Amino acid sequence: LAEMLEAMGEKVVVNDLARCDMAEAVEDAFRYSKLVLATTTYNGDVFPCMQTFIHALCERNYQKRSVGLIENGTWAPQATRIMSGMLEKCKNLTFAQNDVKILSALNEASTAQLKALSAELCGVCEEEQPQEETTTENTTAEVTAVNKQMQFKEAVRIRADRSADSERLTNAYEKELVMVIENYSDGWSKVEYNGVTGYCKTEYLEDAQ
C-alpha cells in the first residue's frame, strides 16, 4: 500500500507498532490527515500493540481524519470490525469505503482491494495537506515576550533549537497545556513543557480552552 500511495505522489510514513516508539507513532497519526491501520485478528481481538495505539488516539481526542482499515487472518478475520468499533468514540472520522481483507497472504483479490484503497485515499481530503515541520535557517529573528499558558493544536515535537533539523527533546500532544515564553518572527516559539524548555512552530499553538 505504501508503494502504491508513493507512486501516486503521496508522502507516506510507516510505523511498525511492535517495534517503533509508540509516542512517535501517535504523533504521526495527529500530524497527517489520513491514517491506515493494519493488523491481524489475535485471540478474537486485535494485536495488543494496535489496541494500545488506538486507545492512545481515543484518549487524545483523535478526530477529523480519514481512516483506512486492513485486516489479516487465517480464517474469518475480525480486525476491521473491532478497530472501527474502538474508534467510534472519536469524532468526525471518515472511514474509507474500501477495506482490505488478507487471508494470510496477498492474492489477486486482496491486491485489488489495496489498489482500490490507495485510489480512495488519494481522492479524499485532497485539500488537506500534512502538517509538516519545515526547516528554518536559525538566523537572528525578532523576539516577542509572551509568558502565557497556551495549548497545542495537535501533536508536535519539542526541539532543542529553532530548526526542524535540531534535536528532538520530547513529544507533546493535542490539547496539552504549555507555557509559551517567547515568539520569534521566523515562526518559532520558545516553550516550557513538562519541565523541558525548547522550541516548536508557533502555528501549532493556540489559546488554552
Protein backbone atom coordinates (compact mmCIF):
# COMPACT_ATOMS: atom_id res chain seq x y z
CA LEU A 1 0.00 0.00 0.00
CA ALA A 2 2.83 2.42 0.87
CA GLU A 3 4.42 1.85 -2.54
CA MET A 4 1.09 2.41 -4.29
CA LEU A 5 0.48 5.67 -2.42
CA GLU A 6 4.01 6.92 -3.04
CA ALA A 7 3.62 6.16 -6.74
CA MET A 8 0.58 8.48 -6.68
CA GLY A 9 2.65 11.26 -5.14
CA GLU A 10 1.58 10.83 -1.52
CA LYS A 11 4.02 11.25 1.37
CA VAL A 12 3.90 8.05 3.44
CA VAL A 13 5.19 7.33 6.95
CA VAL A 14 5.11 3.70 8.12
CA ASN A 15 5.26 2.66 11.78
CA ASP A 16 5.63 -0.93 12.98
CA LEU A 17 3.82 -0.73 16.32
CA ALA A 18 5.58 -3.83 17.65
CA ARG A 19 9.00 -2.20 17.23
CA CYS A 20 8.66 1.59 16.96
CA ASP A 21 8.39 4.28 19.62
CA MET A 22 4.65 4.37 20.36
CA ALA A 23 4.77 8.10 21.10
CA GLU A 24 6.28 8.75 17.67
CA ALA A 25 3.53 6.69 16.02
CA VAL A 26 0.81 8.60 17.87
CA GLU A 27 2.44 11.89 16.93
CA ASP A 28 2.50 10.90 13.25
CA ALA A 29 -1.21 9.97 13.42
CA PHE A 30 -2.03 13.52 14.54
CA ARG A 31 0.42 15.11 12.11
CA TYR A 32 -1.26 13.78 8.96
CA SER A 33 -4.81 13.92 7.65
CA LYS A 34 -5.04 10.23 6.67
CA LEU A 35 -4.33 7.07 8.65
CA VAL A 36 -4.30 3.40 7.66
CA LEU A 37 -4.46 0.75 10.40
CA ALA A 38 -3.35 -2.77 9.51
CA THR A 39 -3.39 -5.67 11.96
CA THR A 40 -4.16 -9.32 12.45
CA THR A 41 -7.03 -10.86 14.37
CA TYR A 42 -5.49 -12.04 17.65
CA ASN A 43 -7.38 -14.20 20.17
CA GLY A 44 -10.72 -12.83 18.98
CA ASP A 45 -9.41 -9.26 19.21
CA VAL A 46 -6.69 -7.19 17.52
CA PHE A 47 -2.97 -7.40 18.16
CA PRO A 48 -2.12 -5.88 21.60
CA CYS A 49 0.14 -3.16 20.15
CA MET A 50 -2.73 -1.99 17.95
CA GLN A 51 -5.06 -1.94 20.97
CA THR A 52 -2.59 0.31 22.81
CA PHE A 53 -2.22 2.60 19.78
CA ILE A 54 -5.97 3.04 19.24
CA HIS A 55 -6.56 3.67 22.96
CA ALA A 56 -3.87 6.38 22.83
CA LEU A 57 -5.63 8.04 19.89
CA CYS A 58 -9.01 7.97 21.62
CA GLU A 59 -7.59 9.35 24.88
CA ARG A 60 -6.14 12.30 22.95
CA ASN A 61 -9.38 13.15 21.13
CA TYR A 62 -8.32 11.94 17.68
CA GLN A 63 -10.74 13.42 15.13
CA LYS A 64 -11.33 14.94 11.70
CA ARG A 65 -9.20 12.44 9.79
CA SER A 66 -9.68 9.85 7.05
CA VAL A 67 -9.05 6.25 8.16
CA GLY A 68 -8.43 3.12 6.12
CA LEU A 69 -8.50 -0.40 7.59
CA ILE A 70 -6.61 -3.55 6.65
CA GLU A 71 -7.15 -6.89 8.38
CA ASN A 72 -5.29 -10.18 8.15
CA GLY A 73 -6.20 -13.61 9.43
CA THR A 74 -6.09 -17.26 8.51
CA TRP A 75 -9.83 -17.69 8.85
CA ALA A 76 -12.67 -15.19 9.34
CA PRO A 77 -10.60 -12.13 10.33
CA GLN A 78 -12.47 -9.65 12.54
CA ALA A 79 -9.89 -6.88 12.95
CA THR A 80 -11.71 -4.34 10.74
CA ARG A 81 -14.92 -4.61 12.76
CA ILE A 82 -13.04 -4.40 16.06
CA MET A 83 -10.89 -1.42 15.06
CA SER A 84 -13.82 0.57 13.70
CA GLY A 85 -15.74 -0.16 16.91
CA MET A 86 -12.85 1.06 19.06
CA LEU A 87 -12.72 4.29 17.07
CA GLU A 88 -16.46 5.00 17.37
CA LYS A 89 -15.85 7.43 20.26
CA CYS A 90 -13.63 9.58 18.02
CA LYS A 91 -15.48 12.44 16.36
CA ASN A 92 -15.74 13.22 12.66
CA LEU A 93 -13.67 10.33 11.32
CA THR A 94 -14.24 9.39 7.69
CA PHE A 95 -13.73 5.67 7.13
CA ALA A 96 -12.63 4.52 3.70
CA GLN A 97 -15.26 2.53 1.87
CA ASN A 98 -12.63 0.12 0.54
CA ASP A 99 -11.50 -2.18 3.35
CA VAL A 100 -8.79 -4.76 2.72
CA LYS A 101 -9.08 -8.37 3.86
CA ILE A 102 -5.95 -10.52 3.61
CA LEU A 103 -6.22 -14.24 4.31
CA SER A 104 -2.66 -15.00 5.47
CA ALA A 105 -1.04 -13.77 2.23
CA LEU A 106 -1.81 -11.35 -0.58
CA ASN A 107 -3.68 -12.76 -3.53
CA GLU A 108 -5.28 -11.27 -6.61
CA ALA A 109 -8.43 -10.22 -4.74
CA SER A 110 -6.67 -8.54 -1.79
CA THR A 111 -4.19 -6.81 -4.13
CA ALA A 112 -7.15 -5.34 -5.99
CA GLN A 113 -8.57 -4.17 -2.66
CA LEU A 114 -5.27 -2.46 -1.85
CA LYS A 115 -5.32 -0.66 -5.18
CA ALA A 116 -8.90 0.48 -4.55
CA LEU A 117 -7.99 1.72 -1.06
CA SER A 118 -4.94 3.63 -2.32
CA ALA A 119 -7.02 5.29 -5.03
CA GLU A 120 -9.69 6.27 -2.50
CA LEU A 121 -7.16 7.68 -0.05
CA CYS A 122 -5.61 9.81 -2.77
CA GLY A 123 -9.05 11.12 -3.64
CA VAL A 124 -10.32 12.10 -0.17
CA CYS A 125 -9.42 15.28 1.66
CA GLU A 126 -7.14 16.41 -1.14
CA GLU A 127 -7.34 19.97 0.16
CA GLU A 128 -5.79 18.86 3.45
CA GLN A 129 -2.00 18.78 3.44
CA PRO A 130 0.12 17.02 6.09
CA GLN A 131 1.18 19.35 8.88
CA GLU A 132 4.92 19.01 8.40
CA GLU A 133 7.72 20.86 10.06
CA THR A 134 9.83 22.88 7.66
CA THR A 135 13.49 23.52 8.15
CA THR A 136 14.23 27.15 9.01
CA GLU A 137 17.74 28.55 8.99
CA ASN A 138 18.44 29.64 12.56
CA THR A 139 19.30 33.28 11.94
CA THR A 140 18.65 36.38 14.00
CA ALA A 141 14.92 36.94 14.44
CA GLU A 142 12.81 39.46 16.29
CA VAL A 143 11.67 38.23 19.69
CA THR A 144 8.38 38.98 21.44
CA ALA A 145 7.90 38.10 25.11
CA VAL A 146 4.71 36.08 25.71
CA ASN A 147 4.84 34.30 29.11
CA LYS A 148 1.39 32.84 28.64
CA GLN A 149 -0.13 29.40 29.12
CA MET A 150 -1.47 28.02 25.86
CA GLN A 151 -2.22 24.59 24.41
CA PHE A 152 -1.08 22.53 21.44
CA LYS A 153 -3.38 22.34 18.41
CA GLU A 154 -2.02 18.86 17.63
CA ALA A 155 0.87 16.53 18.37
CA VAL A 156 4.24 18.21 17.92
CA ARG A 157 7.93 17.66 18.55
CA ILE A 158 9.70 19.97 21.00
CA ARG A 159 13.11 20.85 19.52
CA ALA A 160 16.39 21.95 21.09
CA ASP A 161 16.66 24.88 18.68
CA ARG A 162 14.61 26.82 16.13
CA SER A 163 15.04 24.29 13.35
CA ALA A 164 13.24 21.13 12.27
CA ASP A 165 16.70 19.56 11.94
CA SER A 166 17.63 20.17 15.56
CA GLU A 167 17.48 17.54 18.30
CA ARG A 168 14.03 16.37 19.37
CA LEU A 169 13.76 16.82 23.13
CA THR A 170 10.31 15.34 23.68
CA ASN A 171 6.85 14.88 22.17
CA ALA A 172 3.75 16.89 23.09
CA TYR A 173 0.16 16.10 22.20
CA GLU A 174 -3.04 17.81 21.13
CA LYS A 175 -4.79 19.96 23.78
CA GLU A 176 -1.97 19.58 26.30
CA LEU A 177 -1.01 22.78 28.13
CA VAL A 178 2.31 24.54 27.60
CA MET A 179 3.94 27.75 28.84
CA VAL A 180 4.90 29.91 25.88
CA ILE A 181 7.88 32.08 26.79
CA GLU A 182 8.71 33.89 23.56
CA ASN A 183 7.62 34.11 19.93
CA TYR A 184 10.14 34.60 17.12
CA SER A 185 9.50 36.33 13.82
CA ASP A 186 10.79 33.25 11.96
CA GLY A 187 7.70 31.27 13.03
CA TRP A 188 9.08 29.51 16.11
CA SER A 189 8.18 29.80 19.79
CA LYS A 190 10.22 29.11 22.90
CA VAL A 191 8.16 26.96 25.28
CA GLU A 192 8.35 25.16 28.59
CA TYR A 193 6.56 21.82 28.62
CA ASN A 194 6.71 19.22 31.41
CA GLY A 195 9.97 20.68 32.71
CA VAL A 196 11.59 20.79 29.27
CA THR A 197 12.48 24.11 27.65
CA GLY A 198 12.68 24.04 23.89
CA TYR A 199 11.14 25.26 20.65
CA CYS A 200 8.14 24.41 18.46
CA LYS A 201 6.44 26.04 15.49
CA THR A 202 4.13 28.86 16.59
CA GLU A 203 1.39 27.63 14.24
CA TYR A 204 0.90 24.56 16.46
CA LEU A 205 -0.11 26.72 19.45
CA GLU A 206 -3.50 28.14 20.38
CA ASP A 207 -5.18 29.78 23.36
CA ALA A 208 -5.94 27.36 26.19
CA GLN A 209 -9.61 26.36 26.43
